[in-house]
Amino acid sequence: MRRPALALWMGLLVACGSPAPEVHDTIGPRRVIVVGMDTVRSDHMGFMGHTGGLTPSLDAVASESVVFEQAWTPAPRTRPSFRSATTGRWPIVGRTAPTLGALLGAHGFETAGFVANVQLSAQLGFAEGFDTWVLDNMATADAQVDAALSWLRERAQTDVLLSLHLMDPHIFYTPPPPFTDRFTVAADRQGMPDRYNRMNVIKQQQRGLLSDAQKRWIQGRYQGEIAYMDQELGRLVEAVDELPGETWLIFHSDHGEEFWDHGGFEHNHTLHDELLSAVFMV
């Protein structure tokens, strides 16, 4: 079910701020799983119109979800966007606002976060209100999903909130086999290394040494990361479906990525739609 909505984030945050009901009619434990996908362009999701077959798992989830087609992130970078995602407030106000962990924790939920970006560290306040907060910087999706499922299975009969962050689509675009070059053409590589950062690419472009073929190769590696992440999220959803009780799954992105749509590359430097249009589905 699709919704044309301008959504900063979650009505769930508002609901959590109201008094808890005396009873609920859910049979078994309740769990809320919030999946934050770093550096994911909304126009690379099949359920948002992409035709490359990158996201079959998320497309299947979307077919049974509410999809917000006009969701916008408040900033083209991770820290302020997740500040809003975890508090339901604009980024600056969100620095001192209660987190979803604190709100659900006050209602008896056990809470945890597993994140793979140093910008979401406990030292920056993201762990406030959470019982457990684990940073494994640049961890791959399989490791993150394994950690999440281990935590969830140990609490299969408990009301829980899990905040899971996946970092894979962020540069350096090095998806594992068989996704490494699933969406690239070998001839397009033209000497590009496996690992590079924005500055390397910009300098190469400024010197006139970055070809259109190399740009396609870079984008193909990024698409491989999206497809790999999608596979692991499919594994997460399949496993969660086997747990007792009721689960709410919320998927969102923090920002997109520029691939020369308006001349730029990577993120955090402009405010074009390829950066601010967000994935958001419940």
Protein backbone atom coordinates (compact mmCIF):
# COMPACT_ATOMS: atom_id res chain seq x y z
CA MET A 1 0.00 0.00 0.00
CA ARG A 2 1.55 3.28 -1.09
CA ARG A 3 1.12 6.62 0.63
CA PRO A 4 1.96 10.04 -0.88
CA ALA A 5 3.20 11.62 2.32
CA LEU A 6 5.83 14.13 3.38
CA ALA A 7 7.24 12.17 6.31
CA LEU A 8 10.23 13.17 8.37
CA TRP A 9 9.95 9.92 10.27
CA MET A 10 7.68 7.96 12.49
CA GLY A 11 4.23 8.49 13.92
CA LEU A 12 5.36 5.71 16.21
CA LEU A 13 7.46 8.21 18.13
CA VAL A 14 4.39 10.31 18.82
CA ALA A 15 2.43 7.28 19.91
CA CYS A 16 5.20 6.26 22.29
CA GLY A 17 4.99 9.59 24.04
CA SER A 18 1.38 9.01 25.06
CA PRO A 19 0.31 6.99 28.11
CA ALA A 20 0.63 3.23 27.75
CA PRO A 21 -2.64 1.33 27.47
CA GLU A 22 -3.56 -0.87 30.39
CA VAL A 23 -3.85 -3.94 28.17
CA HIS A 24 -3.09 -4.92 24.60
CA ASP A 25 -4.63 -7.62 22.48
CA THR A 26 -1.39 -8.88 20.94
CA ILE A 27 -0.78 -12.58 21.53
CA GLY A 28 2.80 -13.03 22.65
CA PRO A 29 5.69 -10.58 22.75
CA ARG A 30 5.84 -7.31 20.83
CA ARG A 31 8.92 -6.24 18.92
CA VAL A 32 9.78 -3.14 16.93
CA ILE A 33 12.67 -3.42 14.47
CA VAL A 34 13.93 -0.21 12.88
CA VAL A 35 16.34 -0.79 9.99
CA GLY A 36 18.41 2.23 8.98
CA MET A 37 20.08 1.83 5.58
CA ASP A 38 23.06 4.11 5.09
CA THR A 39 23.60 5.88 1.75
CA VAL A 40 20.64 4.27 -0.03
CA ARG A 41 19.09 6.09 -2.97
CA SER A 42 15.33 5.71 -2.97
CA ASP A 43 15.31 5.48 -6.77
CA HIS A 44 17.40 2.28 -6.54
CA MET A 45 14.57 0.38 -4.84
CA GLY A 46 12.40 -1.78 -7.07
CA PHE A 47 9.30 -0.76 -5.14
CA MET A 48 10.19 2.86 -5.90
CA GLY A 49 10.50 2.25 -9.62
CA HIS A 50 13.99 0.86 -10.28
CA THR A 51 13.95 -1.87 -12.93
CA GLY A 52 17.38 -3.40 -12.35
CA GLY A 53 16.25 -6.14 -9.98
CA LEU A 54 18.44 -4.88 -7.12
CA THR A 55 15.98 -5.33 -4.24
CA PRO A 56 13.76 -8.42 -4.57
CA SER A 57 13.64 -8.96 -0.79
CA LEU A 58 12.68 -5.39 0.04
CA ASP A 59 10.22 -5.37 -2.84
CA ALA A 60 8.48 -8.37 -1.29
CA VAL A 61 8.32 -6.61 2.08
CA ALA A 62 7.02 -3.46 0.40
CA SER A 63 4.14 -5.39 -1.15
CA GLU A 64 2.86 -5.99 2.38
CA SER A 65 3.77 -2.60 3.81
CA VAL A 66 2.84 1.05 3.83
CA VAL A 67 5.34 2.75 1.52
CA PHE A 68 5.80 6.50 1.77
CA GLU A 69 6.66 7.67 -1.73
CA GLN A 70 7.51 11.24 -0.76
CA ALA A 71 9.68 10.82 2.31
CA TRP A 72 12.53 13.27 2.78
CA THR A 73 15.62 13.13 4.92
CA PRO A 74 16.47 16.36 6.83
CA ALA A 75 20.12 16.40 5.73
CA PRO A 76 22.43 14.80 3.14
CA ARG A 77 24.57 13.11 5.80
CA THR A 78 24.30 10.46 8.51
CA ARG A 79 24.52 12.13 11.90
CA PRO A 80 21.77 14.77 11.59
CA SER A 81 19.51 12.42 9.65
CA PHE A 82 19.71 9.70 12.28
CA ARG A 83 19.25 12.32 14.98
CA SER A 84 15.81 12.91 13.48
CA ALA A 85 15.22 9.21 12.83
CA THR A 86 15.81 8.32 16.48
CA THR A 87 13.88 11.22 18.02
CA GLY A 88 11.26 12.39 15.51
CA ARG A 89 12.62 15.94 15.83
CA TRP A 90 14.67 18.22 13.60
CA PRO A 91 18.39 17.43 14.00
CA ILE A 92 19.43 20.26 16.32
CA VAL A 93 16.41 19.87 18.59
CA GLY A 94 16.91 16.11 18.44
CA ARG A 95 20.27 16.35 20.23
CA THR A 96 18.43 16.76 23.54
CA ALA A 97 15.14 15.02 22.74
CA PRO A 98 14.27 11.56 24.13
CA THR A 99 15.18 8.74 21.78
CA LEU A 100 12.85 5.97 20.66
CA GLY A 101 14.89 3.72 22.94
CA ALA A 102 14.05 5.87 25.96
CA LEU A 103 10.37 6.10 25.04
CA LEU A 104 9.82 2.40 24.46
CA GLY A 105 12.10 1.52 27.36
CA ALA A 106 9.76 3.46 29.64
CA HIS A 107 6.97 1.16 28.45
CA GLY A 108 8.85 -1.98 29.45
CA PHE A 109 10.64 -2.80 26.20
CA GLU A 110 14.21 -4.08 26.24
CA THR A 111 16.15 -1.97 23.75
CA ALA A 112 19.30 -2.38 21.67
CA GLY A 113 21.12 -0.83 18.75
CA PHE A 114 23.65 -2.40 16.40
CA VAL A 115 25.33 0.21 14.21
CA ALA A 116 28.20 0.21 11.71
CA ASN A 117 29.02 3.91 11.38
CA VAL A 118 31.19 5.85 13.82
CA GLN A 119 28.83 8.80 13.30
CA LEU A 120 26.29 6.85 15.39
CA SER A 121 28.57 6.18 18.35
CA ALA A 122 27.47 6.28 21.98
CA GLN A 123 29.82 9.23 22.53
CA LEU A 124 27.61 11.28 20.20
CA GLY A 125 24.50 10.53 22.22
CA PHE A 126 22.87 7.91 20.01
CA ALA A 127 22.89 5.28 22.75
CA GLU A 128 20.85 7.44 25.13
CA GLY A 129 17.90 5.45 26.45
CA PHE A 130 19.07 2.12 25.02
CA ASP A 131 19.99 -0.84 27.20
CA THR A 132 22.55 -2.07 24.66
CA TRP A 133 24.40 -0.15 21.94
CA VAL A 134 27.06 -1.90 19.84
CA LEU A 135 29.21 -0.04 17.30
CA ASP A 136 31.12 -2.23 14.83
CA ASN A 137 32.43 0.39 12.44
CA MET A 138 32.10 -0.59 8.76
CA ALA A 139 30.76 -4.05 9.65
CA THR A 140 29.20 -5.86 6.70
CA ALA A 141 25.50 -6.63 6.45
CA ASP A 142 25.91 -10.34 7.20
CA ALA A 143 27.68 -9.57 10.48
CA GLN A 144 25.09 -6.97 11.44
CA VAL A 145 22.18 -9.28 10.67
CA ASP A 146 23.86 -12.13 12.57
CA ALA A 147 24.30 -9.92 15.64
CA ALA A 148 20.72 -8.69 15.43
CA LEU A 149 19.24 -12.17 15.07
CA SER A 150 21.31 -13.52 17.95
CA TRP A 151 20.02 -10.74 20.20
CA LEU A 152 16.42 -11.18 19.05
CA ARG A 153 16.39 -14.96 19.44
CA GLU A 154 17.69 -14.70 23.00
CA ARG A 155 14.68 -12.45 23.72
CA ALA A 156 12.06 -14.26 21.68
CA GLN A 157 9.53 -13.96 24.50
CA THR A 158 10.35 -10.36 25.43
CA ASP A 159 8.97 -7.00 24.26
CA VAL A 160 11.93 -5.47 22.42
CA LEU A 161 13.05 -2.56 20.28
CA LEU A 162 15.95 -3.21 17.92
CA SER A 163 17.64 -0.43 15.97
CA LEU A 164 19.73 -2.00 13.20
CA HIS A 165 22.02 0.05 10.96
CA LEU A 166 23.58 -1.24 7.73
CA MET A 167 26.58 0.53 6.23
CA ASP A 168 27.25 -1.43 3.03
CA PRO A 169 26.08 1.04 0.32
CA HIS A 170 28.48 3.67 1.70
CA ILE A 171 31.73 4.17 -0.19
CA PHE A 172 34.07 2.13 -0.72
CA TYR A 173 31.53 0.05 -2.71
CA THR A 174 33.20 -3.33 -2.21
CA PRO A 175 30.35 -5.87 -2.17
CA PRO A 176 31.31 -9.51 -1.60
CA PRO A 177 30.96 -12.22 -4.25
CA PRO A 178 28.74 -12.94 -6.09
CA PHE A 179 27.67 -9.28 -5.97
CA THR A 180 31.12 -7.72 -6.54
CA ASP A 181 30.78 -7.26 -10.28
CA ARG A 182 27.24 -8.44 -10.92
CA PHE A 183 26.29 -5.00 -12.23
CA THR A 184 29.59 -3.91 -13.80
CA VAL A 185 31.27 -4.46 -17.15
CA ALA A 186 34.95 -5.40 -16.89
CA ALA A 187 35.96 -3.15 -19.78
CA ASP A 188 34.51 -0.12 -17.98
CA ARG A 189 36.94 -0.40 -15.07
CA GLN A 190 39.92 1.07 -16.93
CA GLY A 191 42.32 0.77 -14.01
CA MET A 192 40.02 1.94 -11.21
CA PRO A 193 41.19 0.49 -7.86
CA ASP A 194 38.91 -1.52 -5.59
CA ARG A 195 39.06 1.14 -2.88
CA TYR A 196 38.93 4.90 -3.37
CA ASN A 197 37.35 7.86 -1.63
CA ARG A 198 35.55 10.94 -2.84
CA MET A 199 38.72 13.02 -3.02
CA ASN A 200 40.46 10.43 -5.24
CA VAL A 201 37.53 10.44 -7.66
CA ILE A 202 37.13 14.24 -7.69
CA LYS A 203 40.85 14.78 -8.37
CA GLN A 204 40.74 12.26 -11.19
CA GLN A 205 37.70 14.05 -12.62
CA GLN A 206 39.33 17.48 -12.33
CA ARG A 207 42.33 16.21 -14.28
CA GLY A 208 40.07 14.94 -17.04
CA LEU A 209 41.02 11.35 -16.28
CA LEU A 210 37.63 10.01 -15.18
CA SER A 211 35.77 8.49 -18.12
CA ASP A 212 32.06 7.84 -18.51
CA ALA A 213 32.88 4.12 -18.50
CA GLN A 214 34.61 4.43 -15.12
CA LYS A 215 31.59 6.31 -13.78
CA ARG A 216 29.38 3.41 -14.90
CA TRP A 217 31.74 0.96 -13.20
CA ILE A 218 31.59 2.90 -9.92
CA GLN A 219 27.79 2.95 -10.08
CA GLY A 220 27.73 -0.79 -10.81
CA ARG A 221 29.76 -1.48 -7.67
CA TYR A 222 27.30 0.63 -5.68
CA GLN A 223 24.40 -1.35 -7.12
CA GLY A 224 26.16 -4.53 -6.02
CA GLU A 225 26.20 -3.21 -2.47
CA ILE A 226 22.47 -2.49 -2.63
CA ALA A 227 21.76 -6.02 -3.89
CA TYR A 228 23.97 -7.59 -1.21
CA MET A 229 22.29 -5.56 1.53
CA ASP A 230 18.89 -6.59 0.17
CA GLN A 231 19.83 -10.27 0.36
CA GLU A 232 20.83 -9.93 4.02
CA LEU A 233 17.68 -7.99 4.88
CA GLY A 234 15.67 -10.78 3.29
CA ARG A 235 17.42 -13.20 5.64
CA LEU A 236 16.57 -10.95 8.58
CA VAL A 237 12.87 -10.74 7.68
CA GLU A 238 12.58 -14.47 7.05
CA ALA A 239 14.10 -15.25 10.46
CA VAL A 240 12.00 -12.65 12.28
CA ASP A 241 8.85 -14.12 10.75
CA GLU A 242 9.60 -17.33 12.67
CA LEU A 243 9.60 -15.58 16.04
CA PRO A 244 6.47 -15.60 18.22
CA GLY A 245 4.28 -12.55 18.79
CA GLU A 246 3.90 -9.42 16.69
CA THR A 247 6.63 -7.50 14.87
CA TRP A 248 6.65 -4.00 13.42
CA LEU A 249 9.36 -3.55 10.77
CA ILE A 250 10.34 0.00 9.81
CA PHE A 251 12.86 0.60 7.00
CA HIS A 252 14.41 3.99 6.27
CA SER A 253 17.46 5.55 4.66
CA ASP A 254 19.49 8.45 6.01
CA HIS A 255 20.47 9.99 2.65
CA GLY A 256 21.21 9.01 -0.92
CA GLU A 257 24.30 9.28 -3.09
CA GLU A 258 25.32 11.47 -6.02
CA PHE A 259 26.50 9.84 -9.24
CA TRP A 260 27.05 12.92 -11.37
CA ASP A 261 23.27 13.53 -11.66
CA HIS A 262 24.09 17.21 -11.21
CA GLY A 263 27.84 16.97 -11.67
CA GLY A 264 28.69 15.85 -8.13
CA PHE A 265 29.76 12.59 -6.50
CA GLU A 266 29.10 10.96 -3.11
CA HIS A 267 27.09 12.89 -0.49
CA ASN A 268 27.09 15.71 2.09
CA HIS A 269 27.80 18.43 -0.47
CA THR A 270 24.51 19.37 -2.15
CA LEU A 271 20.76 19.23 -1.52
CA HIS A 272 19.52 17.57 -4.71
CA ASP A 273 16.74 14.96 -4.69
CA GLU A 274 19.18 12.09 -5.22
CA LEU A 275 20.45 12.89 -1.72
CA LEU A 276 17.33 13.96 0.16
CA SER A 277 14.65 11.62 -1.22
CA ALA A 278 14.43 8.87 1.39
CA VAL A 279 13.26 5.28 1.70
CA PHE A 280 10.55 4.95 4.34
CA MET A 281 8.21 2.00 4.74
CA VAL A 282 6.38 0.35 7.62
